[in-house]
Amino acid sequence: MDHPDGLEALAAQLGALPPSCGPVRLVAVDGHAGSGKTTFAARLARALGGAPVVHLDDLATHEELFGWTGRLRGQVLEPLSRGEHARHRVYDWVSRRFEGACDVPPAPVVLVEGVGAGRRAVRPLLAALIWMELPAEAARARGELRDGPELAAFWERWSAAEAAHFARDPSRPYAQLLVDGRTGRVTRTSAFDGVVDRVPGNN
């Protein structure tokens, strides 16, 4: 399944999966910082007809780079699991506090994108986990080029925290779909074939 034509086919297949979080098919887009998660999630959301996207950068903070699980669960996943509209607070990385909020309707497919989106605590509620295939070093170089030298110190801290997170809670081994971070090409793992085979009417 290759990009870009495969994106429409992928969207159709994701939309046909069994719901995983109440009436919602929750799909995670995970990978190293700078690997292209946000861009890919935006393109996939469009292919899905405007699917909502939850950005984990909105739930993380300077003090809790990976301590967002409780906020994601309480403000997003629990309401969606009941078929209700979710509303989560949005962290401002400049003012260093939560400002404003974002609404997340219980759409047929909801995307969650960010480093650690496929973490152990979230996986039971996922219909599919997508991993952006780009080595950590290449992803960091891309991110540093994007953010400029003024954020070099933050990248040092972030990279150490990211490496520690994936060492204790890896996502890639559980991914059903891999996306090349350079070309956008989408490939399936055998796990995705197993998911599709469980869709009613495919047997």
Protein backbone atom coordinates (compact mmCIF):
# COMPACT_ATOMS: atom_id res chain seq x y z
CA MET A 1 0.00 0.00 0.00
CA ASP A 2 1.90 3.06 -1.24
CA HIS A 3 1.47 6.77 -0.69
CA PRO A 4 -0.38 8.77 -1.93
CA ASP A 5 -3.00 6.51 -3.54
CA GLY A 6 -2.80 4.08 -0.65
CA LEU A 7 -3.90 6.76 1.81
CA GLU A 8 -7.47 6.65 0.55
CA ALA A 9 -7.49 2.86 0.72
CA LEU A 10 -5.99 2.99 4.21
CA ALA A 11 -8.66 5.44 5.34
CA ALA A 12 -11.36 3.12 4.03
CA GLN A 13 -9.86 0.15 5.84
CA LEU A 14 -9.48 2.03 9.10
CA GLY A 15 -13.07 3.19 8.89
CA ALA A 16 -14.21 -0.41 8.43
CA LEU A 17 -12.45 -1.69 11.55
CA PRO A 18 -14.51 -2.58 14.63
CA PRO A 19 -14.91 0.31 17.10
CA SER A 20 -12.31 0.19 19.87
CA CYS A 21 -13.25 3.01 22.25
CA GLY A 22 -17.01 3.09 22.61
CA PRO A 23 -18.34 3.90 19.11
CA VAL A 24 -14.94 5.30 18.05
CA ARG A 25 -12.10 3.66 16.13
CA LEU A 26 -9.11 5.14 17.92
CA VAL A 27 -6.00 5.21 15.75
CA ALA A 28 -2.57 6.19 17.12
CA VAL A 29 0.22 7.76 15.06
CA ASP A 30 3.47 7.28 16.97
CA GLY A 31 7.17 7.71 16.25
CA HIS A 32 10.19 9.75 17.24
CA ALA A 33 9.90 13.52 17.54
CA GLY A 34 10.52 14.99 14.10
CA SER A 35 9.51 11.83 12.22
CA GLY A 36 6.50 13.41 10.49
CA LYS A 37 3.63 12.31 12.74
CA THR A 38 1.72 15.59 12.68
CA THR A 39 1.97 15.97 8.90
CA PHE A 40 0.92 12.37 8.25
CA ALA A 41 -1.94 12.56 10.76
CA ALA A 42 -3.26 15.70 9.05
CA ARG A 43 -3.20 14.00 5.63
CA LEU A 44 -4.85 10.88 6.98
CA ALA A 45 -7.49 12.96 8.74
CA ARG A 46 -8.35 14.61 5.43
CA ALA A 47 -8.55 11.22 3.71
CA LEU A 48 -10.94 10.17 6.48
CA GLY A 49 -13.23 13.07 5.66
CA GLY A 50 -12.06 15.39 8.42
CA ALA A 51 -11.39 13.03 11.32
CA PRO A 52 -10.57 14.71 14.64
CA VAL A 53 -6.90 14.68 15.65
CA VAL A 54 -5.76 14.77 19.27
CA HIS A 55 -2.22 16.18 19.53
CA LEU A 56 -0.33 14.87 22.54
CA ASP A 57 1.77 18.06 22.52
CA ASP A 58 -1.42 19.74 23.73
CA LEU A 59 -1.59 17.44 26.77
CA ALA A 60 2.10 17.23 27.70
CA THR A 61 3.91 19.94 29.67
CA HIS A 62 7.49 21.04 30.28
CA GLU A 63 7.41 19.27 33.64
CA GLU A 64 5.58 16.18 32.37
CA LEU A 65 6.84 15.39 28.90
CA PHE A 66 5.32 11.91 29.10
CA GLY A 67 3.02 12.37 32.08
CA TRP A 68 -0.08 13.03 30.01
CA THR A 69 -1.80 9.63 30.34
CA GLY A 70 -4.22 10.77 33.03
CA ARG A 71 -5.27 13.85 31.07
CA LEU A 72 -5.74 11.83 27.88
CA ARG A 73 -7.79 9.23 29.69
CA GLY A 74 -9.95 11.58 31.75
CA GLN A 75 -10.49 14.37 29.22
CA VAL A 76 -10.58 12.41 25.95
CA LEU A 77 -10.81 8.63 26.13
CA GLU A 78 -13.41 8.25 28.84
CA PRO A 79 -15.94 10.64 27.23
CA LEU A 80 -15.38 9.07 23.79
CA SER A 81 -15.85 5.59 25.25
CA ARG A 82 -19.33 6.72 26.37
CA GLY A 83 -20.10 8.13 22.93
CA GLU A 84 -19.86 11.69 24.28
CA HIS A 85 -18.06 14.75 22.99
CA ALA A 86 -14.66 15.15 24.64
CA ARG A 87 -13.03 18.46 25.52
CA HIS A 88 -9.42 18.69 26.61
CA ARG A 89 -7.32 21.58 27.81
CA VAL A 90 -4.46 22.78 25.58
CA TYR A 91 -0.98 23.47 26.92
CA ASP A 92 0.79 26.59 25.67
CA TRP A 93 4.52 25.88 25.34
CA VAL A 94 5.38 29.59 25.39
CA SER A 95 3.37 30.71 28.43
CA ARG A 96 3.98 27.32 30.12
CA ARG A 97 0.38 26.86 31.20
CA PHE A 98 -2.86 25.40 29.92
CA GLU A 99 -4.84 27.92 27.91
CA GLY A 100 -8.00 27.26 25.92
CA ALA A 101 -9.51 23.91 25.05
CA CYS A 102 -10.13 21.62 22.09
CA ASP A 103 -13.33 19.71 21.32
CA VAL A 104 -13.15 16.11 20.11
CA PRO A 105 -16.41 14.65 18.80
CA PRO A 106 -17.01 10.86 18.91
CA ALA A 107 -16.38 10.52 15.17
CA PRO A 108 -16.12 7.11 13.48
CA VAL A 109 -12.31 7.48 13.53
CA VAL A 110 -10.34 9.66 15.93
CA LEU A 111 -6.56 10.03 15.53
CA VAL A 112 -4.16 10.47 18.43
CA GLU A 113 -0.73 11.64 17.31
CA GLY A 114 2.42 12.18 19.28
CA VAL A 115 5.41 10.45 20.78
CA GLY A 116 4.10 7.62 22.92
CA ALA A 117 0.61 7.55 21.39
CA GLY A 118 0.90 3.77 21.22
CA ARG A 119 2.01 3.38 24.82
CA ARG A 120 0.97 0.41 26.93
CA ALA A 121 -1.76 2.33 28.78
CA VAL A 122 -3.47 3.36 25.53
CA ARG A 123 -3.08 0.25 23.33
CA PRO A 124 -6.13 -1.63 24.67
CA LEU A 125 -8.35 1.14 23.29
CA LEU A 126 -6.70 1.33 19.85
CA ALA A 127 -8.20 0.02 16.64
CA ALA A 128 -4.80 0.44 14.98
CA LEU A 129 -1.31 1.71 15.77
CA ILE A 130 0.71 3.46 13.06
CA TRP A 131 4.47 3.93 13.47
CA MET A 132 6.49 6.53 11.55
CA GLU A 133 9.65 4.82 10.30
CA LEU A 134 12.50 7.29 10.76
CA PRO A 135 15.54 6.65 12.97
CA ALA A 136 15.77 8.74 16.12
CA GLU A 137 18.92 10.53 14.94
CA ALA A 138 17.40 11.54 11.60
CA ALA A 139 14.15 12.60 13.25
CA ARG A 140 16.00 14.73 15.78
CA ALA A 141 18.08 16.41 13.07
CA ARG A 142 14.88 17.26 11.20
CA GLY A 143 13.25 18.58 14.35
CA GLU A 144 16.23 20.70 15.34
CA LEU A 145 16.39 22.19 11.84
CA ARG A 146 12.69 22.99 12.07
CA ASP A 147 12.83 24.53 15.57
CA GLY A 148 16.11 26.44 15.31
CA PRO A 149 19.12 26.74 17.62
CA GLU A 150 17.15 28.48 20.38
CA LEU A 151 15.53 25.15 21.26
CA ALA A 152 18.74 23.11 21.25
CA ALA A 153 18.72 22.74 25.05
CA PHE A 154 15.13 21.55 24.99
CA TRP A 155 15.98 18.96 22.33
CA GLU A 156 18.77 17.62 24.54
CA ARG A 157 16.34 17.11 27.41
CA TRP A 158 13.61 15.82 25.14
CA SER A 159 15.80 13.26 23.38
CA ALA A 160 16.92 11.77 26.69
CA ALA A 161 13.32 11.56 27.93
CA GLU A 162 12.13 10.03 24.65
CA ALA A 163 14.86 7.38 24.68
CA ALA A 164 14.01 6.48 28.26
CA HIS A 165 10.30 6.25 27.44
CA PHE A 166 10.72 3.92 24.47
CA ALA A 167 13.23 1.80 26.40
CA ARG A 168 10.61 0.98 29.01
CA ASP A 169 7.44 1.23 26.88
CA PRO A 170 8.16 0.66 23.16
CA SER A 171 5.44 1.21 20.58
CA ARG A 172 6.96 0.01 17.32
CA PRO A 173 6.75 -3.75 18.07
CA TYR A 174 2.97 -3.39 18.35
CA ALA A 175 2.39 -1.32 15.21
CA GLN A 176 0.09 -2.69 12.53
CA LEU A 177 1.19 -0.11 9.96
CA LEU A 178 4.56 1.48 9.18
CA VAL A 179 4.94 4.80 7.38
CA ASP A 180 8.28 5.75 5.85
CA GLY A 181 9.12 9.12 7.39
CA ARG A 182 10.86 10.26 4.19
CA THR A 183 8.63 8.97 1.39
CA GLY A 184 5.27 8.57 3.14
CA ARG A 185 4.99 5.01 1.86
CA VAL A 186 2.62 2.92 4.00
CA THR A 187 3.26 -0.76 4.60
CA ARG A 188 1.39 -3.28 6.68
CA THR A 189 2.77 -5.57 9.30
CA SER A 190 1.25 -9.02 9.72
CA ALA A 191 -0.60 -7.64 12.76
CA PHE A 192 -2.71 -5.39 10.52
CA ASP A 193 -3.76 -8.30 8.35
CA GLY A 194 -4.97 -9.98 11.52
CA VAL A 195 -7.02 -6.92 12.47
CA VAL A 196 -8.59 -6.66 9.01
CA ASP A 197 -9.40 -10.37 9.04
CA ARG A 198 -11.53 -9.81 12.13
CA VAL A 199 -13.72 -7.20 10.43
CA PRO A 200 -17.27 -8.58 10.03
CA GLY A 201 -17.87 -9.75 6.48
CA ASN A 202 -14.18 -10.34 5.70
CA ASN A 203 -14.23 -14.01 6.64
